[in-house]
Amino acid sequence: MTEEPSTRIVLWTRKTPAIASGMVILMGTTVLVGWALNLRILTSFFPQQTSMRPNSAVAYILAGFSLWILQEANGYRPARLWRSVGQTSAVLVAALGALPLSE
Protein backbone atom coordinates (compact mmCIF):
# COMPACT_ATOMS: atom_id res chain seq x y z
CA MET A 1 0.00 0.00 0.00
CA THR A 2 1.14 3.49 -0.69
CA GLU A 3 0.56 6.16 1.89
CA GLU A 4 -0.72 9.63 1.10
CA PRO A 5 1.93 12.25 1.82
CA SER A 6 1.26 14.45 4.78
CA THR A 7 -0.36 17.75 3.90
CA ARG A 8 2.22 19.57 6.00
CA ILE A 9 5.10 17.98 4.07
CA VAL A 10 3.48 18.74 0.71
CA LEU A 11 2.97 22.39 1.65
CA TRP A 12 6.53 22.64 2.95
CA THR A 13 8.02 21.20 -0.24
CA ARG A 14 5.94 23.57 -2.36
CA LYS A 15 6.81 26.68 -0.37
CA THR A 16 10.54 26.03 0.11
CA PRO A 17 11.56 26.84 -3.51
CA ALA A 18 9.43 29.99 -3.47
CA ILE A 19 11.02 31.17 -0.23
CA ALA A 20 14.52 30.31 -1.43
CA SER A 21 14.02 32.08 -4.76
CA GLY A 22 12.67 35.16 -2.98
CA MET A 23 15.67 35.26 -0.64
CA VAL A 24 18.14 34.93 -3.52
CA ILE A 25 16.41 37.67 -5.53
CA LEU A 26 16.40 39.92 -2.45
CA MET A 27 20.12 39.31 -1.85
CA GLY A 28 21.01 40.13 -5.46
CA THR A 29 18.82 43.23 -5.46
CA THR A 30 20.35 44.41 -2.18
CA VAL A 31 23.84 44.14 -3.65
CA LEU A 32 22.84 46.05 -6.79
CA VAL A 33 21.28 48.80 -4.67
CA GLY A 34 24.48 48.90 -2.60
CA TRP A 35 26.56 49.37 -5.74
CA ALA A 36 24.17 52.00 -7.13
CA LEU A 37 24.18 54.01 -3.89
CA ASN A 38 27.86 53.33 -3.18
CA LEU A 39 27.08 51.72 0.19
CA ARG A 40 29.80 49.17 0.91
CA ILE A 41 27.80 47.58 3.72
CA LEU A 42 25.17 46.41 1.21
CA THR A 43 27.67 44.92 -1.23
CA SER A 44 29.06 42.42 1.26
CA PHE A 45 27.02 40.05 3.40
CA PHE A 46 29.68 39.73 6.10
CA PRO A 47 31.78 42.58 7.51
CA GLN A 48 35.43 42.66 6.46
CA GLN A 49 34.75 40.34 3.50
CA THR A 50 35.18 41.13 -0.17
CA SER A 51 32.16 42.63 -1.86
CA MET A 52 30.01 40.81 -4.38
CA ARG A 53 30.49 42.00 -7.94
CA PRO A 54 27.48 43.45 -9.80
CA ASN A 55 27.52 40.69 -12.41
CA SER A 56 27.30 38.12 -9.60
CA ALA A 57 24.33 40.01 -8.16
CA VAL A 58 22.62 39.90 -11.55
CA ALA A 59 23.33 36.16 -11.69
CA TYR A 60 21.73 35.78 -8.24
CA ILE A 61 18.62 37.60 -9.43
CA LEU A 62 18.40 35.51 -12.60
CA ALA A 63 18.94 32.28 -10.64
CA GLY A 64 16.19 33.19 -8.19
CA PHE A 65 13.88 34.16 -11.04
CA SER A 66 14.64 30.90 -12.81
CA LEU A 67 13.92 28.86 -9.67
CA TRP A 68 10.67 30.72 -9.09
CA ILE A 69 9.51 30.30 -12.69
CA LEU A 70 10.44 26.63 -12.90
CA GLN A 71 8.74 25.70 -9.65
CA GLU A 72 5.62 27.66 -10.62
CA ALA A 73 5.55 26.09 -14.09
CA ASN A 74 4.49 22.77 -12.59
CA GLY A 75 1.11 23.94 -11.44
CA TYR A 76 -0.17 27.42 -12.11
CA ARG A 77 1.18 28.71 -15.40
CA PRO A 78 1.41 27.39 -18.96
CA ALA A 79 4.30 24.97 -18.64
CA ARG A 80 5.91 25.23 -22.07
CA LEU A 81 6.32 29.02 -22.23
CA TRP A 82 7.33 29.51 -18.60
CA ARG A 83 9.65 26.50 -18.62
CA SER A 84 11.52 27.95 -21.61
CA VAL A 85 11.74 31.36 -19.87
CA GLY A 86 13.10 29.71 -16.72
CA GLN A 87 15.58 27.63 -18.66
CA THR A 88 16.75 30.69 -20.59
CA SER A 89 17.36 32.46 -17.28
CA ALA A 90 19.36 29.47 -16.07
CA VAL A 91 21.47 29.51 -19.25
CA LEU A 92 22.14 33.22 -18.71
CA VAL A 93 23.35 32.44 -15.18
CA ALA A 94 25.73 29.84 -16.60
CA ALA A 95 26.94 32.34 -19.21
CA LEU A 96 27.58 34.98 -16.55
CA GLY A 97 29.57 32.41 -14.61
CA ALA A 98 31.59 31.45 -17.69
CA LEU A 99 32.48 35.04 -18.65
CA PRO A 100 35.27 35.46 -16.06
CA LEU A 101 36.78 32.17 -17.19
CA SER A 102 37.05 33.42 -20.75
CA GLU A 103 39.02 36.53 -19.78
PDB file of N, CA and C in Angstrom:
ATOM      1  N   MET A   1       0.823  -1.185   0.000  1.00  0.00           N
ATOM      2  CA  MET A   1       0.000   0.000   0.000  1.00  0.00           C
ATOM      3  C   MET A   1       0.866   1.247   0.000  1.00  0.00           C
ATOM      4  N   THR A   2       0.427   2.224  -0.719  1.00  0.00           N
ATOM      5  CA  THR A   2       1.138   3.494  -0.693  1.00  0.00           C
ATOM      6  C   THR A   2       0.391   4.452   0.235  1.00  0.00           C
ATOM      7  N   GLU A   3       1.148   5.203   0.970  1.00  0.00           N
ATOM      8  CA  GLU A   3       0.557   6.164   1.891  1.00  0.00           C
ATOM      9  C   GLU A   3       0.462   7.527   1.224  1.00  0.00           C
ATOM     10  N   GLU A   4      -0.582   8.266   1.564  1.00  0.00           N
ATOM     11  CA  GLU A   4      -0.723   9.633   1.102  1.00  0.00           C
ATOM     12  C   GLU A   4       0.289  10.504   1.837  1.00  0.00           C
ATOM     13  N   PRO A   5       0.986  11.374   1.126  1.00  0.00           N
ATOM     14  CA  PRO A   5       1.926  12.254   1.821  1.00  0.00           C
ATOM     15  C   PRO A   5       1.190  13.209   2.746  1.00  0.00           C
ATOM     16  N   SER A   6       1.840  13.530   3.807  1.00  0.00           N
ATOM     17  CA  SER A   6       1.262  14.449   4.777  1.00  0.00           C
ATOM     18  C   SER A   6       1.046  15.809   4.132  1.00  0.00           C
ATOM     19  N   THR A   7      -0.051  16.433   4.452  1.00  0.00           N
ATOM     20  CA  THR A   7      -0.362  17.747   3.903  1.00  0.00           C
ATOM     21  C   THR A   7       0.687  18.769   4.311  1.00  0.00           C
ATOM     22  N   ARG A   8       1.191  18.648   5.520  1.00  0.00           N
ATOM     23  CA  ARG A   8       2.220  19.567   6.002  1.00  0.00           C
ATOM     24  C   ARG A   8       3.498  19.433   5.178  1.00  0.00           C
ATOM     25  N   ILE A   9       3.880  18.208   4.862  1.00  0.00           N
ATOM     26  CA  ILE A   9       5.098  17.978   4.068  1.00  0.00           C
ATOM     27  C   ILE A   9       4.913  18.501   2.648  1.00  0.00           C
ATOM     28  N   VAL A  10       3.751  18.265   2.076  1.00  0.00           N
ATOM     29  CA  VAL A  10       3.479  18.739   0.714  1.00  0.00           C
ATOM     30  C   VAL A  10       3.542  20.259   0.662  1.00  0.00           C
ATOM     31  N   LEU A  11       2.919  20.925   1.614  1.00  0.00           N
ATOM     32  CA  LEU A  11       2.969  22.389   1.652  1.00  0.00           C
ATOM     33  C   LEU A  11       4.387  22.891   1.837  1.00  0.00           C
ATOM     34  N   TRP A  12       5.149  22.228   2.696  1.00  0.00           N
ATOM     35  CA  TRP A  12       6.531  22.640   2.945  1.00  0.00           C
ATOM     36  C   TRP A  12       7.374  22.508   1.686  1.00  0.00           C
ATOM     37  N   THR A  13       7.220  21.400   0.962  1.00  0.00           N
ATOM     38  CA  THR A  13       8.023  21.203  -0.244  1.00  0.00           C
ATOM     39  C   THR A  13       7.596  22.128  -1.373  1.00  0.00           C
ATOM     40  N   ARG A  14       6.377  22.613  -1.339  1.00  0.00           N
ATOM     41  CA  ARG A  14       5.944  23.572  -2.362  1.00  0.00           C
ATOM     42  C   ARG A  14       6.370  24.989  -2.030  1.00  0.00           C
ATOM     43  N   LYS A  15       6.459  25.315  -0.767  1.00  0.00           N
ATOM     44  CA  LYS A  15       6.812  26.681  -0.368  1.00  0.00           C
ATOM     45  C   LYS A  15       8.316  26.906  -0.282  1.00  0.00           C
ATOM     46  N   THR A  16       9.097  25.874  -0.048  1.00  0.00           N
ATOM     47  CA  THR A  16      10.543  26.029   0.105  1.00  0.00           C
ATOM     48  C   THR A  16      11.203  26.650  -1.125  1.00  0.00           C
ATOM     49  N   PRO A  17      10.932  26.176  -2.357  1.00  0.00           N
ATOM     50  CA  PRO A  17      11.562  26.835  -3.509  1.00  0.00           C
ATOM     51  C   PRO A  17      11.138  28.287  -3.668  1.00  0.00           C
ATOM     52  N   ALA A  18       9.888  28.600  -3.353  1.00  0.00           N
ATOM     53  CA  ALA A  18       9.429  29.986  -3.472  1.00  0.00           C
ATOM     54  C   ALA A  18      10.148  30.873  -2.466  1.00  0.00           C
ATOM     55  N   ILE A  19      10.314  30.394  -1.248  1.00  0.00           N
ATOM     56  CA  ILE A  19      11.016  31.166  -0.226  1.00  0.00           C
ATOM     57  C   ILE A  19      12.485  31.330  -0.597  1.00  0.00           C
ATOM     58  N   ALA A  20      13.107  30.247  -1.050  1.00  0.00           N
ATOM     59  CA  ALA A  20      14.522  30.306  -1.434  1.00  0.00           C
ATOM     60  C   ALA A  20      14.729  31.257  -2.609  1.00  0.00           C
ATOM     61  N   SER A  21      13.857  31.197  -3.605  1.00  0.00           N
ATOM     62  CA  SER A  21      14.022  32.085  -4.756  1.00  0.00           C
ATOM     63  C   SER A  21      13.823  33.543  -4.345  1.00  0.00           C
ATOM     64  N   GLY A  22      12.875  33.801  -3.465  1.00  0.00           N
ATOM     65  CA  GLY A  22      12.670  35.164  -2.979  1.00  0.00           C
ATOM     66  C   GLY A  22      13.876  35.691  -2.222  1.00  0.00           C
ATOM     67  N   MET A  23      14.483  34.844  -1.395  1.00  0.00           N
ATOM     68  CA  MET A  23      15.668  35.264  -0.640  1.00  0.00           C
ATOM     69  C   MET A  23      16.836  35.557  -1.568  1.00  0.00           C
ATOM     70  N   VAL A  24      17.033  34.730  -2.586  1.00  0.00           N
ATOM     71  CA  VAL A  24      18.140  34.932  -3.517  1.00  0.00           C
ATOM     72  C   VAL A  24      17.932  36.202  -4.335  1.00  0.00           C
ATOM     73  N   ILE A  25      16.699  36.443  -4.783  1.00  0.00           N
ATOM     74  CA  ILE A  25      16.406  37.666  -5.526  1.00  0.00           C
ATOM     75  C   ILE A  25      16.629  38.886  -4.633  1.00  0.00           C
ATOM     76  N   LEU A  26      16.206  38.810  -3.384  1.00  0.00           N
ATOM     77  CA  LEU A  26      16.400  39.916  -2.447  1.00  0.00           C
ATOM     78  C   LEU A  26      17.883  40.187  -2.198  1.00  0.00           C
ATOM     79  N   MET A  27      18.684  39.127  -2.062  1.00  0.00           N
ATOM     80  CA  MET A  27      20.123  39.310  -1.847  1.00  0.00           C
ATOM     81  C   MET A  27      20.766  39.988  -3.054  1.00  0.00           C
ATOM     82  N   GLY A  28      20.445  39.525  -4.258  1.00  0.00           N
ATOM     83  CA  GLY A  28      21.014  40.134  -5.458  1.00  0.00           C
ATOM     84  C   GLY A  28      20.589  41.577  -5.632  1.00  0.00           C
ATOM     85  N   THR A  29      19.322  41.858  -5.349  1.00  0.00           N
ATOM     86  CA  THR A  29      18.820  43.226  -5.455  1.00  0.00           C
ATOM     87  C   THR A  29      19.486  44.136  -4.436  1.00  0.00           C
ATOM     88  N   THR A  30      19.685  43.626  -3.219  1.00  0.00           N
ATOM     89  CA  THR A  30      20.354  44.408  -2.181  1.00  0.00           C
ATOM     90  C   THR A  30      21.764  44.789  -2.604  1.00  0.00           C
ATOM     91  N   VAL A  31      22.474  43.856  -3.197  1.00  0.00           N
ATOM     92  CA  VAL A  31      23.844  44.136  -3.645  1.00  0.00           C
ATOM     93  C   VAL A  31      23.834  45.181  -4.763  1.00  0.00           C
ATOM     94  N   LEU A  32      22.906  45.055  -5.708  1.00  0.00           N
ATOM     95  CA  LEU A  32      22.843  46.051  -6.788  1.00  0.00           C
ATOM     96  C   LEU A  32      22.496  47.439  -6.256  1.00  0.00           C
ATOM     97  N   VAL A  33      21.599  47.511  -5.277  1.00  0.00           N
ATOM     98  CA  VAL A  33      21.276  48.799  -4.666  1.00  0.00           C
ATOM     99  C   VAL A  33      22.504  49.348  -3.944  1.00  0.00           C
ATOM    100  N   GLY A  34      23.246  48.470  -3.276  1.00  0.00           N
ATOM    101  CA  GLY A  34      24.477  48.900  -2.604  1.00  0.00           C
ATOM    102  C   GLY A  34      25.490  49.465  -3.572  1.00  0.00           C
ATOM    103  N   TRP A  35      25.627  48.845  -4.734  1.00  0.00           N
ATOM    104  CA  TRP A  35      26.559  49.375  -5.741  1.00  0.00           C
ATOM    105  C   TRP A  35      26.046  50.696  -6.313  1.00  0.00           C
ATOM    106  N   ALA A  36      24.727  50.781  -6.550  1.00  0.00           N
ATOM    107  CA  ALA A  36      24.173  52.004  -7.131  1.00  0.00           C
ATOM    108  C   ALA A  36      24.292  53.189  -6.173  1.00  0.00           C
ATOM    109  N   LEU A  37      24.118  52.933  -4.886  1.00  0.00           N
ATOM    110  CA  LEU A  37      24.179  54.010  -3.891  1.00  0.00           C
ATOM    111  C   LEU A  37      25.562  54.155  -3.254  1.00  0.00           C
ATOM    112  N   ASN A  38      26.497  53.325  -3.697  1.00  0.00           N
ATOM    113  CA  ASN A  38      27.862  53.333  -3.176  1.00  0.00           C
ATOM    114  C   ASN A  38      27.896  53.100  -1.654  1.00  0.00           C
ATOM    115  N   LEU A  39      27.117  52.119  -1.215  1.00  0.00           N
ATOM    116  CA  LEU A  39      27.080  51.719   0.190  1.00  0.00           C
ATOM    117  C   LEU A  39      27.778  50.366   0.333  1.00  0.00           C
ATOM    118  N   ARG A  40      28.991  50.392   0.823  1.00  0.00           N
ATOM    119  CA  ARG A  40      29.797  49.172   0.909  1.00  0.00           C
ATOM    120  C   ARG A  40      29.144  48.110   1.793  1.00  0.00           C
ATOM    121  N   ILE A  41      28.412  48.540   2.800  1.00  0.00           N
ATOM    122  CA  ILE A  41      27.801  47.585   3.718  1.00  0.00           C
ATOM    123  C   ILE A  41      26.762  46.698   3.011  1.00  0.00           C
ATOM    124  N   LEU A  42      26.155  47.202   1.943  1.00  0.00           N
ATOM    125  CA  LEU A  42      25.171  46.410   1.207  1.00  0.00           C
ATOM    126  C   LEU A  42      25.787  45.516   0.147  1.00  0.00           C
ATOM    127  N   THR A  43      27.039  45.735  -0.192  1.00  0.00           N
ATOM    128  CA  THR A  43      27.666  44.918  -1.232  1.00  0.00           C
ATOM    129  C   THR A  43      28.363  43.695  -0.679  1.00  0.00           C
ATOM    130  N   SER A  44      28.429  43.572   0.620  1.00  0.00           N
ATOM    131  CA  SER A  44      29.063  42.420   1.256  1.00  0.00           C
ATOM    132  C   SER A  44      28.133  41.913   2.354  1.00  0.00           C
ATOM    133  N   PHE A  45      27.936  40.608   2.416  1.00  0.00           N
ATOM    134  CA  PHE A  45      27.018  40.049   3.402  1.00  0.00           C
ATOM    135  C   PHE A  45      27.653  39.887   4.779  1.00  0.00           C
ATOM    136  N   PHE A  46      28.980  39.858   4.830  1.00  0.00           N
ATOM    137  CA  PHE A  46      29.676  39.734   6.099  1.00  0.00           C
ATOM    138  C   PHE A  46      30.692  40.869   6.203  1.00  0.00           C
ATOM    139  N   PRO A  47      30.793  41.501   7.362  1.00  0.00           N
ATOM    140  CA  PRO A  47      31.775  42.582   7.514  1.00  0.00           C
ATOM    141  C   PRO A  47      33.196  42.080   7.258  1.00  0.00           C
ATOM    142  N   GLN A  48      34.018  42.951   6.727  1.00  0.00           N
ATOM    143  CA  GLN A  48      35.426  42.664   6.456  1.00  0.00           C
ATOM    144  C   GLN A  48      35.629  41.589   5.385  1.00  0.00           C
ATOM    145  N   GLN A  49      34.625  41.292   4.609  1.00  0.00           N
ATOM    146  CA  GLN A  49      34.750  40.339   3.499  1.00  0.00           C
ATOM    147  C   GLN A  49      34.747  41.115   2.183  1.00  0.00           C
ATOM    148  N   THR A  50      35.192  40.473   1.132  1.00  0.00           N
ATOM    149  CA  THR A  50      35.178  41.128  -0.174  1.00  0.00           C
ATOM    150  C   THR A  50      33.739  41.318  -0.624  1.00  0.00           C
ATOM    151  N   SER A  51      33.518  42.336  -1.417  1.00  0.00           N
ATOM    152  CA  SER A  51      32.159  42.630  -1.858  1.00  0.00           C
ATOM    153  C   SER A  51      31.797  41.778  -3.074  1.00  0.00           C
ATOM    154  N   MET A  52      30.512  41.562  -3.236  1.00  0.00           N
ATOM    155  CA  MET A  52      30.014  40.815  -4.384  1.00  0.00           C
ATOM    156  C   MET A  52      30.026  41.739  -5.597  1.00  0.00           C
ATOM    157  N   ARG A  53      30.446  41.221  -6.707  1.00  0.00           N
ATOM    158  CA  ARG A  53      30.487  42.002  -7.941  1.00  0.00           C
ATOM    159  C   ARG A  53      29.076  42.172  -8.506  1.00  0.00           C
ATOM    160  N   PRO A  54      28.827  43.232  -9.244  1.00  0.00           N
ATOM    161  CA  PRO A  54      27.485  43.451  -9.803  1.00  0.00           C
ATOM    162  C   PRO A  54      27.023  42.341 -10.740  1.00  0.00           C
ATOM    163  N   ASN A  55      27.946  41.774 -11.522  1.00  0.00           N
ATOM    164  CA  ASN A  55      27.520  40.686 -12.410  1.00  0.00           C
ATOM    165  C   ASN A  55      27.115  39.442 -11.613  1.00  0.00           C
ATOM    166  N   SER A  56      27.713  39.230 -10.462  1.00  0.00           N
ATOM    167  CA  SER A  56      27.296  38.124  -9.602  1.00  0.00           C
ATOM    168  C   SER A  56      25.921  38.400  -9.013  1.00  0.00           C
ATOM    169  N   ALA A  57      25.646  39.651  -8.679  1.00  0.00           N
ATOM    170  CA  ALA A  57      24.333  40.012  -8.158  1.00  0.00           C
ATOM    171  C   ALA A  57      23.255  39.801  -9.219  1.00  0.00           C
ATOM    172  N   VAL A  58      23.565  40.138 -10.460  1.00  0.00           N
ATOM    173  CA  VAL A  58      22.618  39.902 -11.549  1.00  0.00           C
ATOM    174  C   VAL A  58      22.395  38.400 -11.725  1.00  0.00           C
ATOM    175  N   ALA A  59      23.464  37.617 -11.599  1.00  0.00           N
ATOM    176  CA  ALA A  59      23.329  36.160 -11.692  1.00  0.00           C
ATOM    177  C   ALA A  59      22.455  35.625 -10.560  1.00  0.00           C
ATOM    178  N   TYR A  60      22.593  36.172  -9.357  1.00  0.00           N
ATOM    179  CA  TYR A  60      21.726  35.775  -8.243  1.00  0.00           C
ATOM    180  C   TYR A  60      20.264  36.051  -8.576  1.00  0.00           C
ATOM    181  N   ILE A  61      19.993  37.234  -9.100  1.00  0.00           N
ATOM    182  CA  ILE A  61      18.615  37.601  -9.431  1.00  0.00           C
ATOM    183  C   ILE A  61      18.062  36.668 -10.511  1.00  0.00           C
ATOM    184  N   LEU A  62      18.850  36.415 -11.540  1.00  0.00           N
ATOM    185  CA  LEU A  62      18.403  35.513 -12.600  1.00  0.00           C
ATOM    186  C   LEU A  62      18.205  34.091 -12.094  1.00  0.00           C
ATOM    187  N   ALA A  63      19.084  33.628 -11.197  1.00  0.00           N
ATOM    188  CA  ALA A  63      18.939  32.282 -10.641  1.00  0.00           C
ATOM    189  C   ALA A  63      17.676  32.174  -9.793  1.00  0.00           C
ATOM    190  N   GLY A  64      17.411  33.191  -8.986  1.00  0.00           N
ATOM    191  CA  GLY A  64      16.189  33.191  -8.190  1.00  0.00           C
ATOM    192  C   GLY A  64      14.945  33.245  -9.062  1.00  0.00           C
ATOM    193  N   PHE A  65      14.991  34.061 -10.098  1.00  0.00           N
ATOM    194  CA  PHE A  65      13.876  34.163 -11.040  1.00  0.00           C
ATOM    195  C   PHE A  65      13.648  32.825 -11.735  1.00  0.00           C
ATOM    196  N   SER A  66      14.737  32.187 -12.149  1.00  0.00           N
ATOM    197  CA  SER A  66      14.638  30.900 -12.811  1.00  0.00           C
ATOM    198  C   SER A  66      14.025  29.847 -11.885  1.00  0.00           C
ATOM    199  N   LEU A  67      14.482  29.806 -10.644  1.00  0.00           N
ATOM    200  CA  LEU A  67      13.922  28.861  -9.675  1.00  0.00           C
ATOM    201  C   LEU A  67      12.442  29.123  -9.448  1.00  0.00           C
ATOM    202  N   TRP A  68      12.065  30.381  -9.307  1.00  0.00           N
ATOM    203  CA  TRP A  68      10.665  30.718  -9.089  1.00  0.00           C
ATOM    204  C   TRP A  68       9.800  30.304 -10.276  1.00  0.00           C
ATOM    205  N   ILE A  69      10.271  30.631 -11.483  1.00  0.00           N
ATOM    206  CA  ILE A  69       9.511  30.300 -12.688  1.00  0.00           C
ATOM    207  C   ILE A  69       9.396  28.789 -12.856  1.00  0.00           C
ATOM    208  N   LEU A  70      10.484  28.074 -12.668  1.00  0.00           N
ATOM    209  CA  LEU A  70      10.443  26.634 -12.902  1.00  0.00           C
ATOM    210  C   LEU A  70       9.616  25.911 -11.859  1.00  0.00           C
ATOM    211  N   GLN A  71       9.586  26.366 -10.636  1.00  0.00           N
ATOM    212  CA  GLN A  71       8.744  25.697  -9.652  1.00  0.00           C
ATOM    213  C   GLN A  71       7.280  26.068  -9.845  1.00  0.00           C
ATOM    214  N   GLU A  72       6.994  27.262 -10.347  1.00  0.00           N
ATOM    215  CA  GLU A  72       5.620  27.656 -10.616  1.00  0.00           C
ATOM    216  C   GLU A  72       5.092  27.002 -11.892  1.00  0.00           C
ATOM    217  N   ALA A  73       5.980  26.645 -12.811  1.00  0.00           N
ATOM    218  CA  ALA A  73       5.550  26.086 -14.090  1.00  0.00           C
ATOM    219  C   ALA A  73       4.872  24.738 -13.911  1.00  0.00           C
ATOM    220  N   ASN A  74       5.077  24.086 -12.789  1.00  0.00           N
ATOM    221  CA  ASN A  74       4.487  22.770 -12.585  1.00  0.00           C
ATOM    222  C   ASN A  74       3.001  22.819 -12.265  1.00  0.00           C
ATOM    223  N   GLY A  75       2.486  23.959 -11.841  1.00  0.00           N
ATOM    224  CA  GLY A  75       1.109  23.940 -11.436  1.00  0.00           C
ATOM    225  C   GLY A  75       0.231  25.067 -11.924  1.00  0.00           C
ATOM    226  N   TYR A  76       0.713  26.283 -11.951  1.00  0.00           N
ATOM    227  CA  TYR A  76      -0.166  27.423 -12.106  1.00  0.00           C
ATOM    228  C   TYR A  76      -0.072  28.140 -13.444  1.00  0.00           C
ATOM    229  N   ARG A  77       0.986  27.955 -14.168  1.00  0.00           N
ATOM    230  CA  ARG A  77       1.182  28.708 -15.396  1.00  0.00           C
ATOM    231  C   ARG A  77       1.347  27.752 -16.573  1.00  0.00           C
ATOM    232  N   PRO A  78       1.178  28.252 -17.791  1.00  0.00           N
ATOM    233  CA  PRO A  78       1.410  27.389 -18.961  1.00  0.00           C
ATOM    234  C   PRO A  78       2.838  26.871 -18.962  1.00  0.00           C
ATOM    235  N   ALA A  79       2.996  25.585 -18.887  1.00  0.00           N
ATOM    236  CA  ALA A  79       4.297  24.974 -18.637  1.00  0.00           C
ATOM    237  C   ALA A  79       5.315  25.253 -19.744  1.00  0.00           C
ATOM    238  N   ARG A  80       4.935  25.146 -20.981  1.00  0.00           N
ATOM    239  CA  ARG A  80       5.912  25.230 -22.065  1.00  0.00           C
ATOM    240  C   ARG A  80       6.566  26.606 -22.139  1.00  0.00           C
ATOM    241  N   LEU A  81       5.771  27.663 -22.135  1.00  0.00           N
ATOM    242  CA  LEU A  81       6.318  29.017 -22.232  1.00  0.00           C
ATOM    243  C   LEU A  81       7.157  29.357 -21.009  1.00  0.00           C
ATOM    244  N   TRP A  82       6.621  29.135 -19.815  1.00  0.00           N
ATOM    245  CA  TRP A  82       7.333  29.514 -18.595  1.00  0.00           C
ATOM    246  C   TRP A  82       8.546  28.631 -18.362  1.00  0.00           C
ATOM    247  N   ARG A  83       8.477  27.365 -18.761  1.00  0.00           N
ATOM    248  CA  ARG A  83       9.645  26.505 -18.618  1.00  0.00           C
ATOM    249  C   ARG A  83      10.783  27.002 -19.502  1.00  0.00           C
ATOM    250  N   SER A  84      10.462  27.443 -20.729  1.00  0.00           N
ATOM    251  CA  SER A  84      11.519  27.949 -21.606  1.00  0.00           C
ATOM    252  C   SER A  84      12.088  29.271 -21.080  1.00  0.00           C
ATOM    253  N   VAL A  85      11.254  30.115 -20.475  1.00  0.00           N
ATOM    254  CA  VAL A  85      11.742  31.363 -19.874  1.00  0.00           C
ATOM    255  C   VAL A  85      12.667  31.042 -18.699  1.00  0.00           C
ATOM    256  N   GLY A  86      12.266  30.105 -17.854  1.00  0.00           N
ATOM    257  CA  GLY A  86      13.101  29.708 -16.716  1.00  0.00           C
ATOM    258  C   GLY A  86      14.410  29.086 -17.150  1.00  0.00           C
ATOM    259  N   GLN A  87      14.363  28.249 -18.176  1.00  0.00           N
ATOM    260  CA  GLN A  87      15.582  27.625 -18.664  1.00  0.00           C
ATOM    261  C   GLN A  87      16.502  28.651 -19.319  1.00  0.00           C
ATOM    262  N   THR A  88      15.942  29.621 -20.006  1.00  0.00           N
ATOM    263  CA  THR A  88      16.753  30.688 -20.590  1.00  0.00           C
ATOM    264  C   THR A  88      17.450  31.488 -19.499  1.00  0.00           C
ATOM    265  N   SER A  89      16.736  31.761 -18.416  1.00  0.00           N
ATOM    266  CA  SER A  89      17.360  32.461 -17.283  1.00  0.00           C
ATOM    267  C   SER A  89      18.501  31.634 -16.699  1.00  0.00           C
ATOM    268  N   ALA A  90      18.304  30.333 -16.596  1.00  0.00           N
ATOM    269  CA  ALA A  90      19.356  29.467 -16.070  1.00  0.00           C
ATOM    270  C   ALA A  90      20.575  29.446 -16.993  1.00  0.00           C
ATOM    271  N   VAL A  91      20.353  29.469 -18.297  1.00  0.00           N
ATOM    272  CA  VAL A  91      21.466  29.514 -19.253  1.00  0.00           C
ATOM    273  C   VAL A  91      22.215  30.838 -19.122  1.00  0.00           C
ATOM    274  N   LEU A  92      21.489  31.931 -18.905  1.00  0.00           N
ATOM    275  CA  LEU A  92      22.145  33.225 -18.709  1.00  0.00           C
ATOM    276  C   LEU A  92      23.007  33.228 -17.445  1.00  0.00           C
ATOM    277  N   VAL A  93      22.541  32.558 -16.405  1.00  0.00           N
ATOM    278  CA  VAL A  93      23.345  32.438 -15.183  1.00  0.00           C
ATOM    279  C   VAL A  93      24.637  31.687 -15.479  1.00  0.00           C
ATOM    280  N   ALA A  94      24.530  30.601 -16.233  1.00  0.00           N
ATOM    281  CA  ALA A  94      25.730  29.843 -16.597  1.00  0.00           C
ATOM    282  C   ALA A  94      26.668  30.685 -17.461  1.00  0.00           C
ATOM    283  N   ALA A  95      26.110  31.479 -18.359  1.00  0.00           N
ATOM    284  CA  ALA A  95      26.943  32.335 -19.210  1.00  0.00           C
ATOM    285  C   ALA A  95      27.650  33.401 -18.378  1.00  0.00           C
ATOM    286  N   LEU A  96      26.946  33.992 -17.415  1.00  0.00           N
ATOM    287  CA  LEU A  96      27.582  34.976 -16.548  1.00  0.00           C
ATOM    288  C   LEU A  96      28.680  34.348 -15.710  1.00  0.00           C
ATOM    289  N   GLY A  97      28.526  33.101 -15.346  1.00  0.00           N
ATOM    290  CA  GLY A  97      29.569  32.410 -14.607  1.00  0.00           C
ATOM    291  C   GLY A  97      30.761  32.056 -15.484  1.00  0.00           C
ATOM    292  N   ALA A  98      30.510  31.829 -16.770  1.00  0.00           N
ATOM    293  CA  ALA A  98      31.586  31.454 -17.687  1.00  0.00           C
ATOM    294  C   ALA A  98      32.369  32.670 -18.203  1.00  0.00           C
ATOM    295  N   LEU A  99      31.794  33.845 -18.143  1.00  0.00           N
ATOM    296  CA  LEU A  99      32.482  35.040 -18.653  1.00  0.00           C
ATOM    297  C   LEU A  99      33.834  35.288 -17.990  1.00  0.00           C
ATOM    298  N   PRO A 100      33.941  35.231 -16.660  1.00  0.00           N
ATOM    299  CA  PRO A 100      35.274  35.463 -16.058  1.00  0.00           C
ATOM    300  C   PRO A 100      36.299  34.405 -16.468  1.00  0.00           C
ATOM    301  N   LEU A 101      35.846  33.209 -16.751  1.00  0.00           N
ATOM    302  CA  LEU A 101      36.781  32.169 -17.192  1.00  0.00           C
ATOM    303  C   LEU A 101      37.349  32.436 -18.574  1.00  0.00           C
ATOM    304  N   SER A 102      36.595  33.153 -19.392  1.00  0.00           N
ATOM    305  CA  SER A 102      37.055  33.424 -20.752  1.00  0.00           C
ATOM    306  C   SER A 102      38.005  34.611 -20.830  1.00  0.00           C
ATOM    307  N   GLU A 103      38.156  35.347 -19.739  1.00  0.00           N
ATOM    308  CA  GLU A 103      39.020  36.527 -19.778  1.00  0.00           C
ATOM    309  C   GLU A 103      40.476  36.168 -19.787  1.00  0.00           C
TER     310      GLU A 103
END
